Amino acid sequence: YAFNELKAYCDELARIIYNMDYVLDLDRVAIGGGISEQPIVIETLNQSFKELRNLYRDDEHDLEIVSCIFNNDANIIGALYNHFLGGK
């Protein structure tokens, strides 16, 4: 049951990314936050995107969906940056 919910979530997110890619011609999309720390999310999202892309392929361009480097720590890093450098 849990995987079915994850797949539905990734299918919807893949649809949003597909539409953004169609308009902006993206090369890479980085997913951040705590959810990006789970490899199954990125794998399932890539699979959902490829399934959608195969249905509507109109060129040979392929988008890469990756996990952000800082994952769930990005907010902490941003807060520190703002604290030390943002107030100037």
PDB file of N, CA and C in Angstrom:
ATOM      1  N   TYR A   1       0.818  -1.196   0.000  1.00  0.00           N
ATOM      2  CA  TYR A   1       0.000   0.000   0.000  1.00  0.00           C
ATOM      3  C   TYR A   1       0.863   1.262   0.000  1.00  0.00           C
ATOM      4  N   ALA A   2       1.898   1.282   0.816  1.00  0.00           N
ATOM      5  CA  ALA A   2       2.753   2.469   0.916  1.00  0.00           C
ATOM      6  C   ALA A   2       3.434   2.762  -0.422  1.00  0.00           C
ATOM      7  N   PHE A   3       3.890   1.720  -1.120  1.00  0.00           N
ATOM      8  CA  PHE A   3       4.544   1.961  -2.406  1.00  0.00           C
ATOM      9  C   PHE A   3       3.563   2.528  -3.425  1.00  0.00           C
ATOM     10  N   ASN A   4       2.312   2.079  -3.386  1.00  0.00           N
ATOM     11  CA  ASN A   4       1.302   2.621  -4.305  1.00  0.00           C
ATOM     12  C   ASN A   4       1.107   4.119  -4.084  1.00  0.00           C
ATOM     13  N   GLU A   5       1.124   4.536  -2.816  1.00  0.00           N
ATOM     14  CA  GLU A   5       0.993   5.959  -2.505  1.00  0.00           C
ATOM     15  C   GLU A   5       2.229   6.731  -2.975  1.00  0.00           C
ATOM     16  N   LEU A   6       3.406   6.156  -2.771  1.00  0.00           N
ATOM     17  CA  LEU A   6       4.633   6.785  -3.239  1.00  0.00           C
ATOM     18  C   LEU A   6       4.617   6.916  -4.758  1.00  0.00           C
ATOM     19  N   LYS A   7       4.200   5.876  -5.449  1.00  0.00           N
ATOM     20  CA  LYS A   7       4.139   5.907  -6.915  1.00  0.00           C
ATOM     21  C   LYS A   7       3.176   6.974  -7.401  1.00  0.00           C
ATOM     22  N   ALA A   8       2.013   7.086  -6.753  1.00  0.00           N
ATOM     23  CA  ALA A   8       1.034   8.119  -7.132  1.00  0.00           C
ATOM     24  C   ALA A   8       1.623   9.515  -6.919  1.00  0.00           C
ATOM     25  N   TYR A   9       2.326   9.699  -5.807  1.00  0.00           N
ATOM     26  CA  TYR A   9       2.968  10.983  -5.515  1.00  0.00           C
ATOM     27  C   TYR A   9       4.012  11.306  -6.588  1.00  0.00           C
ATOM     28  N   CYS A  10       4.848  10.332  -6.909  1.00  0.00           N
ATOM     29  CA  CYS A  10       5.898  10.532  -7.913  1.00  0.00           C
ATOM     30  C   CYS A  10       5.320  10.748  -9.301  1.00  0.00           C
ATOM     31  N   ASP A  11       4.233  10.078  -9.619  1.00  0.00           N
ATOM     32  CA  ASP A  11       3.570  10.292 -10.917  1.00  0.00           C
ATOM     33  C   ASP A  11       3.107  11.740 -11.053  1.00  0.00           C
ATOM     34  N   GLU A  12       2.516  12.277  -9.986  1.00  0.00           N
ATOM     35  CA  GLU A  12       2.031  13.656 -10.022  1.00  0.00           C
ATOM     36  C   GLU A  12       3.194  14.640 -10.095  1.00  0.00           C
ATOM     37  N   LEU A  13       4.223  14.403  -9.297  1.00  0.00           N
ATOM     38  CA  LEU A  13       5.395  15.275  -9.332  1.00  0.00           C
ATOM     39  C   LEU A  13       6.095  15.193 -10.688  1.00  0.00           C
ATOM     40  N   ALA A  14       6.157  14.019 -11.269  1.00  0.00           N
ATOM     41  CA  ALA A  14       6.750  13.854 -12.602  1.00  0.00           C
ATOM     42  C   ALA A  14       5.961  14.635 -13.645  1.00  0.00           C
ATOM     43  N   ARG A  15       4.657  14.677 -13.513  1.00  0.00           N
ATOM     44  CA  ARG A  15       3.810  15.439 -14.444  1.00  0.00           C
ATOM     45  C   ARG A  15       4.133  16.928 -14.337  1.00  0.00           C
ATOM     46  N   ILE A  16       4.332  17.420 -13.124  1.00  0.00           N
ATOM     47  CA  ILE A  16       4.689  18.830 -12.924  1.00  0.00           C
ATOM     48  C   ILE A  16       6.066  19.117 -13.528  1.00  0.00           C
ATOM     49  N   ILE A  17       7.021  18.240 -13.274  1.00  0.00           N
ATOM     50  CA  ILE A  17       8.371  18.418 -13.816  1.00  0.00           C
ATOM     51  C   ILE A  17       8.345  18.347 -15.334  1.00  0.00           C
ATOM     52  N   TYR A  18       7.547  17.443 -15.884  1.00  0.00           N
ATOM     53  CA  TYR A  18       7.433  17.331 -17.339  1.00  0.00           C
ATOM     54  C   TYR A  18       6.937  18.649 -17.946  1.00  0.00           C
ATOM     55  N   ASN A  19       5.924  19.235 -17.340  1.00  0.00           N
ATOM     56  CA  ASN A  19       5.382  20.500 -17.844  1.00  0.00           C
ATOM     57  C   ASN A  19       6.402  21.628 -17.731  1.00  0.00           C
ATOM     58  N   MET A  20       7.131  21.670 -16.624  1.00  0.00           N
ATOM     59  CA  MET A  20       8.176  22.681 -16.473  1.00  0.00           C
ATOM     60  C   MET A  20       9.271  22.484 -17.522  1.00  0.00           C
ATOM     61  N   ASP A  21       9.644  21.232 -17.763  1.00  0.00           N
ATOM     62  CA  ASP A  21      10.668  20.932 -18.751  1.00  0.00           C
ATOM     63  C   ASP A  21      10.217  21.332 -20.150  1.00  0.00           C
ATOM     64  N   TYR A  22       8.955  21.123 -20.450  1.00  0.00           N
ATOM     65  CA  TYR A  22       8.429  21.454 -21.773  1.00  0.00           C
ATOM     66  C   TYR A  22       8.543  22.953 -22.036  1.00  0.00           C
ATOM     67  N   VAL A  23       8.297  23.744 -21.017  1.00  0.00           N
ATOM     68  CA  VAL A  23       8.329  25.195 -21.163  1.00  0.00           C
ATOM     69  C   VAL A  23       9.757  25.743 -21.061  1.00  0.00           C
ATOM     70  N   LEU A  24      10.546  25.218 -20.119  1.00  0.00           N
ATOM     71  CA  LEU A  24      11.852  25.798 -19.817  1.00  0.00           C
ATOM     72  C   LEU A  24      13.039  25.041 -20.412  1.00  0.00           C
ATOM     73  N   ASP A  25      12.819  23.848 -20.966  1.00  0.00           N
ATOM     74  CA  ASP A  25      13.880  23.029 -21.554  1.00  0.00           C
ATOM     75  C   ASP A  25      15.016  22.800 -20.552  1.00  0.00           C
ATOM     76  N   LEU A  26      14.678  22.181 -19.455  1.00  0.00           N
ATOM     77  CA  LEU A  26      15.610  21.960 -18.359  1.00  0.00           C
ATOM     78  C   LEU A  26      16.582  20.818 -18.661  1.00  0.00           C
ATOM     79  N   ASP A  27      17.745  20.875 -18.042  1.00  0.00           N
ATOM     80  CA  ASP A  27      18.716  19.783 -18.134  1.00  0.00           C
ATOM     81  C   ASP A  27      18.690  18.924 -16.885  1.00  0.00           C
ATOM     82  N   ARG A  28      18.438  19.561 -15.739  1.00  0.00           N
ATOM     83  CA  ARG A  28      18.483  18.843 -14.461  1.00  0.00           C
ATOM     84  C   ARG A  28      17.493  19.484 -13.495  1.00  0.00           C
ATOM     85  N   VAL A  29      16.852  18.631 -12.704  1.00  0.00           N
ATOM     86  CA  VAL A  29      15.999  19.086 -11.610  1.00  0.00           C
ATOM     87  C   VAL A  29      16.528  18.433 -10.341  1.00  0.00           C
ATOM     88  N   ALA A  30      16.782  19.253  -9.321  1.00  0.00           N
ATOM     89  CA  ALA A  30      17.290  18.752  -8.047  1.00  0.00           C
ATOM     90  C   ALA A  30      16.177  18.798  -7.008  1.00  0.00           C
ATOM     91  N   ILE A  31      15.910  17.675  -6.381  1.00  0.00           N
ATOM     92  CA  ILE A  31      14.893  17.554  -5.352  1.00  0.00           C
ATOM     93  C   ILE A  31      15.576  17.670  -3.997  1.00  0.00           C
ATOM     94  N   GLY A  32      15.083  18.553  -3.150  1.00  0.00           N
ATOM     95  CA  GLY A  32      15.688  18.784  -1.852  1.00  0.00           C
ATOM     96  C   GLY A  32      14.760  18.432  -0.711  1.00  0.00           C
ATOM     97  N   GLY A  33      15.216  18.712   0.479  1.00  0.00           N
ATOM     98  CA  GLY A  33      14.432  18.432   1.672  1.00  0.00           C
ATOM     99  C   GLY A  33      14.655  17.017   2.159  1.00  0.00           C
ATOM    100  N   GLY A  34      13.983  16.701   3.247  1.00  0.00           N
ATOM    101  CA  GLY A  34      14.141  15.388   3.861  1.00  0.00           C
ATOM    102  C   GLY A  34      13.768  14.242   2.953  1.00  0.00           C
ATOM    103  N   ILE A  35      12.790  14.480   2.067  1.00  0.00           N
ATOM    104  CA  ILE A  35      12.341  13.402   1.183  1.00  0.00           C
ATOM    105  C   ILE A  35      13.432  12.995   0.203  1.00  0.00           C
ATOM    106  N   SER A  36      14.329  13.910  -0.101  1.00  0.00           N
ATOM    107  CA  SER A  36      15.388  13.604  -1.070  1.00  0.00           C
ATOM    108  C   SER A  36      16.459  12.680  -0.494  1.00  0.00           C
ATOM    109  N   GLU A  37      16.435  12.454   0.810  1.00  0.00           N
ATOM    110  CA  GLU A  37      17.395  11.546   1.420  1.00  0.00           C
ATOM    111  C   GLU A  37      17.043  10.077   1.182  1.00  0.00           C
ATOM    112  N   GLN A  38      15.840   9.827   0.704  1.00  0.00           N
ATOM    113  CA  GLN A  38      15.388   8.461   0.445  1.00  0.00           C
ATOM    114  C   GLN A  38      15.631   8.117  -1.025  1.00  0.00           C
ATOM    115  N   PRO A  39      16.596   7.251  -1.321  1.00  0.00           N
ATOM    116  CA  PRO A  39      16.893   6.920  -2.725  1.00  0.00           C
ATOM    117  C   PRO A  39      15.686   6.386  -3.486  1.00  0.00           C
ATOM    118  N   ILE A  40      14.777   5.695  -2.807  1.00  0.00           N
ATOM    119  CA  ILE A  40      13.615   5.142  -3.506  1.00  0.00           C
ATOM    120  C   ILE A  40      12.728   6.241  -4.089  1.00  0.00           C
ATOM    121  N   VAL A  41      12.726   7.397  -3.459  1.00  0.00           N
ATOM    122  CA  VAL A  41      11.919   8.512  -3.974  1.00  0.00           C
ATOM    123  C   VAL A  41      12.499   9.008  -5.288  1.00  0.00           C
ATOM    124  N   ILE A  42      13.792   9.236  -5.326  1.00  0.00           N
ATOM    125  CA  ILE A  42      14.432   9.723  -6.555  1.00  0.00           C
ATOM    126  C   ILE A  42      14.327   8.679  -7.661  1.00  0.00           C
ATOM    127  N   GLU A  43      14.525   7.411  -7.319  1.00  0.00           N
ATOM    128  CA  GLU A  43      14.422   6.331  -8.316  1.00  0.00           C
ATOM    129  C   GLU A  43      12.998   6.249  -8.875  1.00  0.00           C
ATOM    130  N   THR A  44      12.017   6.289  -8.010  1.00  0.00           N
ATOM    131  CA  THR A  44      10.622   6.179  -8.449  1.00  0.00           C
ATOM    132  C   THR A  44      10.218   7.403  -9.255  1.00  0.00           C
ATOM    133  N   LEU A  45      10.685   8.577  -8.844  1.00  0.00           N
ATOM    134  CA  LEU A  45      10.392   9.803  -9.582  1.00  0.00           C
ATOM    135  C   LEU A  45      11.001   9.753 -10.978  1.00  0.00           C
ATOM    136  N   ASN A  46      12.237   9.284 -11.083  1.00  0.00           N
ATOM    137  CA  ASN A  46      12.866   9.135 -12.405  1.00  0.00           C
ATOM    138  C   ASN A  46      12.096   8.146 -13.266  1.00  0.00           C
ATOM    139  N   GLN A  47      11.661   7.048 -12.668  1.00  0.00           N
ATOM    140  CA  GLN A  47      10.886   6.057 -13.409  1.00  0.00           C
ATOM    141  C   GLN A  47       9.559   6.658 -13.897  1.00  0.00           C
ATOM    142  N   SER A  48       8.883   7.377 -13.025  1.00  0.00           N
ATOM    143  CA  SER A  48       7.609   8.006 -13.401  1.00  0.00           C
ATOM    144  C   SER A  48       7.811   9.022 -14.513  1.00  0.00           C
ATOM    145  N   PHE A  49       8.898   9.797 -14.429  1.00  0.00           N
ATOM    146  CA  PHE A  49       9.179  10.789 -15.462  1.00  0.00           C
ATOM    147  C   PHE A  49       9.470  10.115 -16.798  1.00  0.00           C
ATOM    148  N   LYS A  50      10.252   9.041 -16.772  1.00  0.00           N
ATOM    149  CA  LYS A  50      10.582   8.338 -18.016  1.00  0.00           C
ATOM    150  C   LYS A  50       9.340   7.716 -18.656  1.00  0.00           C
ATOM    151  N   GLU A  51       8.448   7.182 -17.829  1.00  0.00           N
ATOM    152  CA  GLU A  51       7.199   6.631 -18.356  1.00  0.00           C
ATOM    153  C   GLU A  51       6.381   7.718 -19.048  1.00  0.00           C
ATOM    154  N   LEU A  52       6.285   8.870 -18.428  1.00  0.00           N
ATOM    155  CA  LEU A  52       5.550   9.993 -19.006  1.00  0.00           C
ATOM    156  C   LEU A  52       6.237  10.510 -20.256  1.00  0.00           C
ATOM    157  N   ARG A  53       7.543  10.602 -20.202  1.00  0.00           N
ATOM    158  CA  ARG A  53       8.315  11.104 -21.346  1.00  0.00           C
ATOM    159  C   ARG A  53       8.175  10.174 -22.550  1.00  0.00           C
ATOM    160  N   ASN A  54       8.125   8.882 -22.321  1.00  0.00           N
ATOM    161  CA  ASN A  54       7.971   7.937 -23.421  1.00  0.00           C
ATOM    162  C   ASN A  54       6.604   8.043 -24.082  1.00  0.00           C
ATOM    163  N   LEU A  55       5.612   8.453 -23.331  1.00  0.00           N
ATOM    164  CA  LEU A  55       4.276   8.638 -23.912  1.00  0.00           C
ATOM    165  C   LEU A  55       4.219   9.831 -24.845  1.00  0.00           C
ATOM    166  N   TYR A  56       4.948  10.886 -24.522  1.00  0.00           N
ATOM    167  CA  TYR A  56       4.842  12.154 -25.250  1.00  0.00           C
ATOM    168  C   TYR A  56       6.166  12.629 -25.820  1.00  0.00           C
ATOM    169  N   ARG A  57       7.056  11.709 -26.126  1.00  0.00           N
ATOM    170  CA  ARG A  57       8.381  12.111 -26.626  1.00  0.00           C
ATOM    171  C   ARG A  57       8.244  12.845 -27.957  1.00  0.00           C
ATOM    172  N   ASP A  58       8.815  14.072 -27.968  1.00  0.00           N
ATOM    173  CA  ASP A  58       8.820  14.839 -29.202  1.00  0.00           C
ATOM    174  C   ASP A  58      10.226  15.302 -29.589  1.00  0.00           C
ATOM    175  N   ASP A  59      11.220  14.921 -28.766  1.00  0.00           N
ATOM    176  CA  ASP A  59      12.610  15.197 -29.097  1.00  0.00           C
ATOM    177  C   ASP A  59      13.497  14.194 -28.351  1.00  0.00           C
ATOM    178  N   GLU A  60      14.792  14.329 -28.499  1.00  0.00           N
ATOM    179  CA  GLU A  60      15.725  13.384 -27.877  1.00  0.00           C
ATOM    180  C   GLU A  60      16.312  13.908 -26.575  1.00  0.00           C
ATOM    181  N   HIS A  61      15.822  15.030 -26.112  1.00  0.00           N
ATOM    182  CA  HIS A  61      16.314  15.640 -24.873  1.00  0.00           C
ATOM    183  C   HIS A  61      15.859  14.832 -23.666  1.00  0.00           C
ATOM    184  N   ASP A  62      16.788  14.499 -22.773  1.00  0.00           N
ATOM    185  CA  ASP A  62      16.441  13.789 -21.547  1.00  0.00           C
ATOM    186  C   ASP A  62      16.814  14.628 -20.341  1.00  0.00           C
ATOM    187  N   LEU A  63      15.918  14.715 -19.421  1.00  0.00           N
ATOM    188  CA  LEU A  63      16.092  15.471 -18.190  1.00  0.00           C
ATOM    189  C   LEU A  63      16.641  14.550 -17.105  1.00  0.00           C
ATOM    190  N   GLU A  64      17.509  15.075 -16.263  1.00  0.00           N
ATOM    191  CA  GLU A  64      18.059  14.312 -15.150  1.00  0.00           C
ATOM    192  C   GLU A  64      17.426  14.812 -13.852  1.00  0.00           C
ATOM    193  N   ILE A  65      16.878  13.906 -13.056  1.00  0.00           N
ATOM    194  CA  ILE A  65      16.311  14.251 -11.752  1.00  0.00           C
ATOM    195  C   ILE A  65      17.250  13.679 -10.698  1.00  0.00           C
ATOM    196  N   VAL A  66      17.779  14.572  -9.860  1.00  0.00           N
ATOM    197  CA  VAL A  66      18.771  14.177  -8.859  1.00  0.00           C
ATOM    198  C   VAL A  66      18.363  14.686  -7.483  1.00  0.00           C
ATOM    199  N   SER A  67      19.042  14.179  -6.488  1.00  0.00           N
ATOM    200  CA  SER A  67      18.861  14.635  -5.117  1.00  0.00           C
ATOM    201  C   SER A  67      19.813  15.797  -4.853  1.00  0.00           C
ATOM    202  N   CYS A  68      19.352  16.797  -4.111  1.00  0.00           N
ATOM    203  CA  CYS A  68      20.221  17.913  -3.728  1.00  0.00           C
ATOM    204  C   CYS A  68      21.365  17.413  -2.847  1.00  0.00           C
ATOM    205  N   ILE A  69      22.441  18.118  -2.878  1.00  0.00           N
ATOM    206  CA  ILE A  69      23.613  17.727  -2.099  1.00  0.00           C
ATOM    207  C   ILE A  69      23.346  17.803  -0.601  1.00  0.00           C
ATOM    208  N   PHE A  70      22.691  18.868  -0.170  1.00  0.00           N
ATOM    209  CA  PHE A  70      22.522  19.098   1.262  1.00  0.00           C
ATOM    210  C   PHE A  70      21.258  18.481   1.847  1.00  0.00           C
ATOM    211  N   ASN A  71      20.390  17.934   1.001  1.00  0.00           N
ATOM    212  CA  ASN A  71      19.159  17.271   1.448  1.00  0.00           C
ATOM    213  C   ASN A  71      18.405  18.115   2.471  1.00  0.00           C
ATOM    214  N   ASN A  72      18.177  17.569   3.637  1.00  0.00           N
ATOM    215  CA  ASN A  72      17.373  18.239   4.649  1.00  0.00           C
ATOM    216  C   ASN A  72      18.142  19.316   5.417  1.00  0.00           C
ATOM    217  N   ASP A  73      19.450  19.409   5.195  1.00  0.00           N
ATOM    218  CA  ASP A  73      20.251  20.409   5.893  1.00  0.00           C
ATOM    219  C   ASP A  73      20.293  21.753   5.173  1.00  0.00           C
ATOM    220  N   ALA A  74      19.669  21.857   4.016  1.00  0.00           N
ATOM    221  CA  ALA A  74      19.712  23.094   3.247  1.00  0.00           C
ATOM    222  C   ALA A  74      19.137  24.266   4.041  1.00  0.00           C
ATOM    223  N   ASN A  75      18.092  24.037   4.809  1.00  0.00           N
ATOM    224  CA  ASN A  75      17.504  25.130   5.576  1.00  0.00           C
ATOM    225  C   ASN A  75      18.467  25.640   6.640  1.00  0.00           C
ATOM    226  N   ILE A  76      19.203  24.739   7.270  1.00  0.00           N
ATOM    227  CA  ILE A  76      20.184  25.134   8.288  1.00  0.00           C
ATOM    228  C   ILE A  76      21.314  25.937   7.641  1.00  0.00           C
ATOM    229  N   ILE A  77      21.787  25.474   6.508  1.00  0.00           N
ATOM    230  CA  ILE A  77      22.868  26.165   5.803  1.00  0.00           C
ATOM    231  C   ILE A  77      22.403  27.547   5.358  1.00  0.00           C
ATOM    232  N   GLY A  78      21.184  27.626   4.858  1.00  0.00           N
ATOM    233  CA  GLY A  78      20.629  28.924   4.460  1.00  0.00           C
ATOM    234  C   GLY A  78      20.489  29.873   5.638  1.00  0.00           C
ATOM    235  N   ALA A  79      20.073  29.362   6.781  1.00  0.00           N
ATOM    236  CA  ALA A  79      19.939  30.198   7.978  1.00  0.00           C
ATOM    237  C   ALA A  79      21.307  30.705   8.427  1.00  0.00           C
ATOM    238  N   LEU A  80      22.325  29.831   8.407  1.00  0.00           N
ATOM    239  CA  LEU A  80      23.672  30.263   8.776  1.00  0.00           C
ATOM    240  C   LEU A  80      24.212  31.307   7.809  1.00  0.00           C
ATOM    241  N   TYR A  81      23.981  31.085   6.535  1.00  0.00           N
ATOM    242  CA  TYR A  81      24.418  32.055   5.530  1.00  0.00           C
ATOM    243  C   TYR A  81      23.782  33.406   5.795  1.00  0.00           C
ATOM    244  N   ASN A  82      22.479  33.399   6.049  1.00  0.00           N
ATOM    245  CA  ASN A  82      21.762  34.645   6.318  1.00  0.00           C
ATOM    246  C   ASN A  82      22.293  35.312   7.594  1.00  0.00           C
ATOM    247  N   HIS A  83      22.578  34.511   8.575  1.00  0.00           N
ATOM    248  CA  HIS A  83      23.075  35.045   9.849  1.00  0.00           C
ATOM    249  C   HIS A  83      24.457  35.700   9.681  1.00  0.00           C
ATOM    250  N   PHE A  84      25.359  35.027   8.991  1.00  0.00           N
ATOM    251  CA  PHE A  84      26.725  35.537   8.877  1.00  0.00           C
ATOM    252  C   PHE A  84      26.923  36.543   7.736  1.00  0.00           C
ATOM    253  N   LEU A  85      26.238  36.350   6.636  1.00  0.00           N
ATOM    254  CA  LEU A  85      26.508  37.206   5.473  1.00  0.00           C
ATOM    255  C   LEU A  85      25.293  37.997   4.991  1.00  0.00           C
ATOM    256  N   GLY A  86      24.104  37.544   5.323  1.00  0.00           N
ATOM    257  CA  GLY A  86      22.906  38.186   4.779  1.00  0.00           C
ATOM    258  C   GLY A  86      22.581  39.527   5.383  1.00  0.00           C
ATOM    259  N   GLY A  87      23.050  39.801   6.573  1.00  0.00           N
ATOM    260  CA  GLY A  87      22.703  41.050   7.242  1.00  0.00           C
ATOM    261  C   GLY A  87      23.544  42.243   6.823  1.00  0.00           C
ATOM    262  N   LYS A  88      24.490  42.051   5.930  1.00  0.00           N
ATOM    263  CA  LYS A  88      25.389  43.146   5.529  1.00  0.00           C
ATOM    264  C   LYS A  88      24.806  43.976   4.419  1.00  0.00           C
TER     265      LYS A  88
END
